[in-house]
Amino acid sequence: MSEDFFQAEKKRFIQEFVPGKQVTIAHVIANPNKDICERIGIDNKGAAGIMTITPGEGAIIAADAASKSSNIKVEFVDRFTGALVFSGDVAAVESALINAMHALCDTLGFDSTAITRS
């Protein structure tokens, strides 16, 4: 091997994870059973909507958009983890999820995920 090979300058790369703006979960639990409602601390109103958003402050924006668009009750918002839970009838929860996704993804440029339902 040539002497240049051993004397070549080594380059170091440092990679950092920088979280982007994204919705990782957008889910409707239609007709949750009583035990689930009790464990997550909500009244059974027909459906629960669950979202997880990064950065966590996005949960505040999603809660605002969801509550202004549908007759839902915001049950839990955590600006540190990005968790959002709301409840209402099935149609209201689905509409709230759609409108929260619109506010985050279409208006603010968050990466989206599919709205799922169980």
N, C-alpha and C. Protein backbone atom coordinates (compact mmCIF):
# COMPACT_ATOMS: atom_id res chain seq x y z
N MET A 1 0.83 -1.18 0.00
CA MET A 1 0.00 0.00 0.00
C MET A 1 0.87 1.25 0.00
N SER A 2 0.36 2.25 -0.57
CA SER A 2 1.15 3.48 -0.67
C SER A 2 1.21 4.21 0.66
N GLU A 3 2.23 5.02 0.77
CA GLU A 3 2.40 5.82 1.97
C GLU A 3 1.26 6.82 2.13
N ASP A 4 0.71 7.31 1.02
CA ASP A 4 -0.40 8.27 1.05
C ASP A 4 -1.63 7.68 1.74
N PHE A 5 -1.84 6.38 1.58
CA PHE A 5 -3.00 5.72 2.19
C PHE A 5 -2.96 5.85 3.71
N PHE A 6 -1.80 5.65 4.31
CA PHE A 6 -1.67 5.67 5.76
C PHE A 6 -1.62 7.10 6.31
N GLN A 7 -1.25 8.03 5.48
CA GLN A 7 -1.12 9.39 5.95
C GLN A 7 -2.36 10.23 5.60
N ALA A 8 -3.33 9.63 4.97
CA ALA A 8 -4.52 10.39 4.59
C ALA A 8 -5.26 10.87 5.85
N GLU A 9 -5.78 12.05 5.75
CA GLU A 9 -6.51 12.62 6.87
C GLU A 9 -7.86 11.91 7.04
N LYS A 10 -8.14 11.53 8.26
CA LYS A 10 -9.42 10.88 8.53
C LYS A 10 -10.45 11.95 8.84
N LYS A 11 -11.63 11.76 8.28
CA LYS A 11 -12.71 12.70 8.53
C LYS A 11 -13.71 12.07 9.48
N ARG A 12 -14.19 12.86 10.41
CA ARG A 12 -15.18 12.38 11.35
C ARG A 12 -16.51 13.06 11.05
N PHE A 13 -17.55 12.30 11.15
CA PHE A 13 -18.89 12.83 10.95
C PHE A 13 -19.67 12.64 12.24
N ILE A 14 -20.30 13.68 12.68
CA ILE A 14 -21.14 13.61 13.86
C ILE A 14 -22.57 13.81 13.39
N GLN A 15 -23.41 12.86 13.74
CA GLN A 15 -24.81 12.95 13.36
C GLN A 15 -25.65 13.19 14.60
N GLU A 16 -26.61 14.08 14.47
CA GLU A 16 -27.53 14.36 15.56
C GLU A 16 -28.93 14.12 15.07
N PHE A 17 -29.79 13.67 15.99
CA PHE A 17 -31.20 13.50 15.66
C PHE A 17 -31.91 14.79 16.01
N VAL A 18 -32.53 15.38 15.03
CA VAL A 18 -33.32 16.59 15.24
C VAL A 18 -34.75 16.24 14.89
N PRO A 19 -35.61 16.19 15.91
CA PRO A 19 -36.98 15.79 15.61
C PRO A 19 -37.67 16.79 14.69
N GLY A 20 -38.39 16.26 13.76
CA GLY A 20 -39.14 17.10 12.83
C GLY A 20 -40.54 17.34 13.34
N LYS A 21 -41.30 17.98 12.52
CA LYS A 21 -42.70 18.23 12.85
C LYS A 21 -43.50 17.07 12.26
N GLN A 22 -44.12 16.27 13.13
CA GLN A 22 -44.86 15.13 12.61
C GLN A 22 -45.98 14.69 13.54
N VAL A 23 -46.99 14.13 12.93
CA VAL A 23 -48.06 13.45 13.65
C VAL A 23 -47.76 11.96 13.52
N THR A 24 -47.57 11.28 14.65
CA THR A 24 -47.21 9.87 14.59
C THR A 24 -48.41 8.95 14.81
N ILE A 25 -49.40 9.42 15.53
CA ILE A 25 -50.63 8.63 15.75
C ILE A 25 -51.82 9.56 15.63
N ALA A 26 -52.83 9.11 14.90
CA ALA A 26 -54.13 9.79 14.82
C ALA A 26 -55.16 8.67 14.74
N HIS A 27 -55.79 8.36 15.86
CA HIS A 27 -56.62 7.16 15.93
C HIS A 27 -57.95 7.45 16.61
N VAL A 28 -59.00 6.81 16.08
CA VAL A 28 -60.34 6.86 16.68
C VAL A 28 -60.62 5.51 17.31
N ILE A 29 -60.97 5.54 18.58
CA ILE A 29 -61.48 4.33 19.24
C ILE A 29 -62.99 4.50 19.29
N ALA A 30 -63.69 3.81 18.40
CA ALA A 30 -65.15 3.90 18.35
C ALA A 30 -65.73 2.95 19.39
N ASN A 31 -66.65 3.45 20.15
CA ASN A 31 -67.35 2.67 21.19
C ASN A 31 -66.39 1.92 22.11
N PRO A 32 -65.49 2.65 22.79
CA PRO A 32 -64.57 1.98 23.71
C PRO A 32 -65.32 1.33 24.87
N ASN A 33 -64.80 0.21 25.36
CA ASN A 33 -65.51 -0.43 26.47
C ASN A 33 -65.27 0.35 27.77
N LYS A 34 -66.10 0.07 28.73
CA LYS A 34 -66.12 0.81 30.00
C LYS A 34 -64.76 0.77 30.70
N ASP A 35 -64.11 -0.38 30.69
CA ASP A 35 -62.81 -0.51 31.36
C ASP A 35 -61.76 0.41 30.77
N ILE A 36 -61.72 0.50 29.45
CA ILE A 36 -60.75 1.38 28.81
C ILE A 36 -61.02 2.83 29.20
N CYS A 37 -62.28 3.22 29.16
CA CYS A 37 -62.64 4.60 29.53
C CYS A 37 -62.22 4.92 30.96
N GLU A 38 -62.47 4.01 31.88
CA GLU A 38 -62.09 4.22 33.27
C GLU A 38 -60.58 4.34 33.41
N ARG A 39 -59.85 3.49 32.72
CA ARG A 39 -58.39 3.50 32.87
C ARG A 39 -57.72 4.74 32.27
N ILE A 40 -58.32 5.29 31.23
CA ILE A 40 -57.72 6.51 30.67
C ILE A 40 -58.41 7.78 31.19
N GLY A 41 -59.42 7.58 32.04
CA GLY A 41 -60.04 8.71 32.73
C GLY A 41 -60.98 9.55 31.89
N ILE A 42 -61.76 8.91 31.02
CA ILE A 42 -62.73 9.66 30.23
C ILE A 42 -64.12 9.06 30.40
N ASP A 43 -65.13 9.89 30.18
CA ASP A 43 -66.50 9.40 30.14
C ASP A 43 -66.72 8.72 28.80
N ASN A 44 -67.53 7.67 28.80
CA ASN A 44 -67.82 7.00 27.53
C ASN A 44 -68.88 7.80 26.79
N LYS A 45 -68.44 8.52 25.78
CA LYS A 45 -69.34 9.38 24.99
C LYS A 45 -69.51 8.86 23.58
N GLY A 46 -69.03 7.67 23.32
CA GLY A 46 -69.17 7.11 21.98
C GLY A 46 -67.85 6.85 21.31
N ALA A 47 -66.86 7.76 21.51
CA ALA A 47 -65.57 7.56 20.86
C ALA A 47 -64.49 8.37 21.59
N ALA A 48 -63.27 7.92 21.39
CA ALA A 48 -62.11 8.66 21.89
C ALA A 48 -61.17 8.89 20.71
N GLY A 49 -60.60 10.05 20.65
CA GLY A 49 -59.59 10.37 19.65
C GLY A 49 -58.24 10.48 20.33
N ILE A 50 -57.23 9.88 19.72
CA ILE A 50 -55.89 9.89 20.30
C ILE A 50 -54.91 10.38 19.24
N MET A 51 -54.05 11.31 19.64
CA MET A 51 -53.01 11.80 18.75
C MET A 51 -51.69 11.87 19.50
N THR A 52 -50.61 11.64 18.78
CA THR A 52 -49.27 11.88 19.30
C THR A 52 -48.54 12.75 18.28
N ILE A 53 -47.97 13.84 18.78
CA ILE A 53 -47.43 14.87 17.90
C ILE A 53 -46.03 15.29 18.37
N THR A 54 -45.14 15.50 17.41
CA THR A 54 -43.80 16.01 17.70
C THR A 54 -43.60 17.30 16.92
N PRO A 55 -43.13 18.37 17.51
CA PRO A 55 -42.84 18.56 18.92
C PRO A 55 -44.11 18.60 19.74
N GLY A 56 -43.95 18.37 21.04
CA GLY A 56 -45.10 18.25 21.93
C GLY A 56 -46.04 19.44 21.95
N GLU A 57 -45.50 20.61 21.70
CA GLU A 57 -46.35 21.81 21.69
C GLU A 57 -47.39 21.76 20.59
N GLY A 58 -47.16 20.92 19.58
CA GLY A 58 -48.15 20.74 18.52
C GLY A 58 -49.47 20.21 19.04
N ALA A 59 -49.43 19.51 20.18
CA ALA A 59 -50.66 18.98 20.78
C ALA A 59 -51.59 20.11 21.20
N ILE A 60 -51.03 21.23 21.59
CA ILE A 60 -51.85 22.38 21.96
C ILE A 60 -52.59 22.92 20.74
N ILE A 61 -51.87 23.03 19.64
CA ILE A 61 -52.47 23.51 18.39
C ILE A 61 -53.54 22.54 17.91
N ALA A 62 -53.23 21.23 17.97
CA ALA A 62 -54.21 20.21 17.55
C ALA A 62 -55.45 20.24 18.42
N ALA A 63 -55.27 20.41 19.73
CA ALA A 63 -56.42 20.48 20.64
C ALA A 63 -57.30 21.67 20.31
N ASP A 64 -56.68 22.80 20.01
CA ASP A 64 -57.43 24.00 19.65
C ASP A 64 -58.23 23.78 18.37
N ALA A 65 -57.56 23.24 17.35
CA ALA A 65 -58.25 23.01 16.06
C ALA A 65 -59.37 21.99 16.22
N ALA A 66 -59.11 20.92 16.97
CA ALA A 66 -60.13 19.88 17.16
C ALA A 66 -61.34 20.42 17.90
N SER A 67 -61.10 21.18 18.96
CA SER A 67 -62.22 21.67 19.78
C SER A 67 -63.03 22.75 19.08
N LYS A 68 -62.41 23.48 18.17
CA LYS A 68 -63.14 24.52 17.44
C LYS A 68 -63.94 23.96 16.27
N SER A 69 -63.60 22.74 15.85
CA SER A 69 -64.25 22.19 14.66
C SER A 69 -65.39 21.23 14.96
N SER A 70 -65.41 20.68 16.17
CA SER A 70 -66.40 19.65 16.49
C SER A 70 -66.82 19.74 17.95
N ASN A 71 -67.94 19.11 18.24
CA ASN A 71 -68.44 19.07 19.61
C ASN A 71 -67.76 17.93 20.37
N ILE A 72 -66.51 18.17 20.75
CA ILE A 72 -65.74 17.18 21.49
C ILE A 72 -65.29 17.78 22.81
N LYS A 73 -64.86 16.92 23.71
CA LYS A 73 -64.28 17.38 24.97
C LYS A 73 -62.81 16.99 24.98
N VAL A 74 -61.94 17.96 25.16
CA VAL A 74 -60.51 17.67 25.27
C VAL A 74 -60.29 17.10 26.66
N GLU A 75 -59.85 15.85 26.70
CA GLU A 75 -59.67 15.13 27.96
C GLU A 75 -58.26 15.28 28.53
N PHE A 76 -57.27 15.34 27.63
CA PHE A 76 -55.88 15.36 28.08
C PHE A 76 -55.00 15.96 27.00
N VAL A 77 -54.13 16.90 27.40
CA VAL A 77 -53.13 17.46 26.50
C VAL A 77 -51.82 17.50 27.27
N ASP A 78 -50.77 16.94 26.69
CA ASP A 78 -49.45 16.99 27.31
C ASP A 78 -48.47 17.65 26.34
N ARG A 79 -48.09 18.85 26.64
CA ARG A 79 -47.20 19.60 25.74
C ARG A 79 -45.78 19.08 25.77
N PHE A 80 -45.45 18.20 26.72
CA PHE A 80 -44.10 17.65 26.79
C PHE A 80 -43.96 16.37 25.96
N THR A 81 -44.99 15.52 26.00
CA THR A 81 -44.93 14.28 25.22
C THR A 81 -45.67 14.38 23.89
N GLY A 82 -46.51 15.39 23.74
CA GLY A 82 -47.27 15.55 22.51
C GLY A 82 -48.52 14.69 22.46
N ALA A 83 -48.95 14.17 23.60
CA ALA A 83 -50.15 13.32 23.65
C ALA A 83 -51.40 14.19 23.75
N LEU A 84 -52.43 13.76 23.02
CA LEU A 84 -53.72 14.45 23.02
C LEU A 84 -54.81 13.39 23.00
N VAL A 85 -55.78 13.52 23.92
CA VAL A 85 -56.93 12.62 23.97
C VAL A 85 -58.18 13.48 24.06
N PHE A 86 -59.16 13.17 23.23
CA PHE A 86 -60.45 13.86 23.32
C PHE A 86 -61.56 12.86 23.11
N SER A 87 -62.78 13.27 23.49
CA SER A 87 -63.91 12.35 23.39
C SER A 87 -65.14 13.07 22.85
N GLY A 88 -66.08 12.27 22.39
CA GLY A 88 -67.34 12.77 21.84
C GLY A 88 -68.01 11.65 21.08
N ASP A 89 -69.04 11.98 20.33
CA ASP A 89 -69.63 10.92 19.53
C ASP A 89 -68.69 10.60 18.37
N VAL A 90 -68.90 9.46 17.73
CA VAL A 90 -67.97 8.98 16.72
C VAL A 90 -67.76 10.00 15.60
N ALA A 91 -68.83 10.56 15.08
CA ALA A 91 -68.71 11.52 13.98
C ALA A 91 -67.94 12.77 14.40
N ALA A 92 -68.19 13.25 15.61
CA ALA A 92 -67.49 14.44 16.09
C ALA A 92 -65.99 14.18 16.27
N VAL A 93 -65.65 13.01 16.80
CA VAL A 93 -64.24 12.67 17.01
C VAL A 93 -63.53 12.52 15.67
N GLU A 94 -64.15 11.86 14.71
CA GLU A 94 -63.54 11.73 13.38
C GLU A 94 -63.35 13.10 12.74
N SER A 95 -64.35 13.95 12.83
CA SER A 95 -64.25 15.29 12.26
C SER A 95 -63.15 16.09 12.95
N ALA A 96 -63.05 15.97 14.26
CA ALA A 96 -62.03 16.68 15.02
C ALA A 96 -60.63 16.23 14.61
N LEU A 97 -60.45 14.93 14.42
CA LEU A 97 -59.15 14.41 13.97
C LEU A 97 -58.79 14.95 12.59
N ILE A 98 -59.75 14.94 11.70
CA ILE A 98 -59.52 15.44 10.33
C ILE A 98 -59.11 16.91 10.37
N ASN A 99 -59.80 17.70 11.16
CA ASN A 99 -59.51 19.13 11.23
C ASN A 99 -58.19 19.42 11.95
N ALA A 100 -57.87 18.64 12.97
CA ALA A 100 -56.58 18.80 13.65
C ALA A 100 -55.44 18.43 12.69
N MET A 101 -55.62 17.36 11.93
CA MET A 101 -54.61 16.97 10.94
C MET A 101 -54.45 18.06 9.88
N HIS A 102 -55.55 18.64 9.44
CA HIS A 102 -55.49 19.72 8.46
C HIS A 102 -54.68 20.91 9.00
N ALA A 103 -54.98 21.30 10.24
CA ALA A 103 -54.28 22.44 10.84
C ALA A 103 -52.78 22.17 10.94
N LEU A 104 -52.43 20.97 11.37
CA LEU A 104 -51.02 20.65 11.55
C LEU A 104 -50.30 20.40 10.22
N CYS A 105 -50.89 19.56 9.39
CA CYS A 105 -50.18 19.10 8.19
C CYS A 105 -50.30 20.06 7.01
N ASP A 106 -51.51 20.48 6.72
CA ASP A 106 -51.71 21.34 5.55
C ASP A 106 -51.31 22.79 5.82
N THR A 107 -51.59 23.27 7.02
CA THR A 107 -51.29 24.67 7.33
C THR A 107 -49.88 24.86 7.85
N LEU A 108 -49.44 23.98 8.76
CA LEU A 108 -48.15 24.18 9.42
C LEU A 108 -47.02 23.30 8.88
N GLY A 109 -47.32 22.42 7.94
CA GLY A 109 -46.28 21.64 7.31
C GLY A 109 -45.77 20.43 8.09
N PHE A 110 -46.57 19.92 9.02
CA PHE A 110 -46.18 18.70 9.73
C PHE A 110 -46.30 17.52 8.79
N ASP A 111 -45.46 16.50 9.00
CA ASP A 111 -45.62 15.24 8.28
C ASP A 111 -46.83 14.52 8.85
N SER A 112 -47.62 13.92 7.99
CA SER A 112 -48.87 13.32 8.46
C SER A 112 -48.76 11.79 8.57
N THR A 113 -49.79 11.25 9.12
CA THR A 113 -49.98 9.80 9.20
C THR A 113 -51.43 9.52 8.84
N ALA A 114 -51.74 8.29 8.58
CA ALA A 114 -53.12 7.92 8.27
C ALA A 114 -53.96 7.97 9.55
N ILE A 115 -55.19 8.42 9.40
CA ILE A 115 -56.13 8.38 10.52
C ILE A 115 -56.68 6.94 10.54
N THR A 116 -56.50 6.28 11.68
CA THR A 116 -56.94 4.89 11.82
C THR A 116 -58.12 4.82 12.78
N ARG A 117 -58.78 3.66 12.78
CA ARG A 117 -59.98 3.50 13.60
C ARG A 117 -60.10 2.05 14.07
N SER A 118 -60.49 1.89 15.31
CA SER A 118 -60.76 0.56 15.84
C SER A 118 -62.09 0.55 16.57
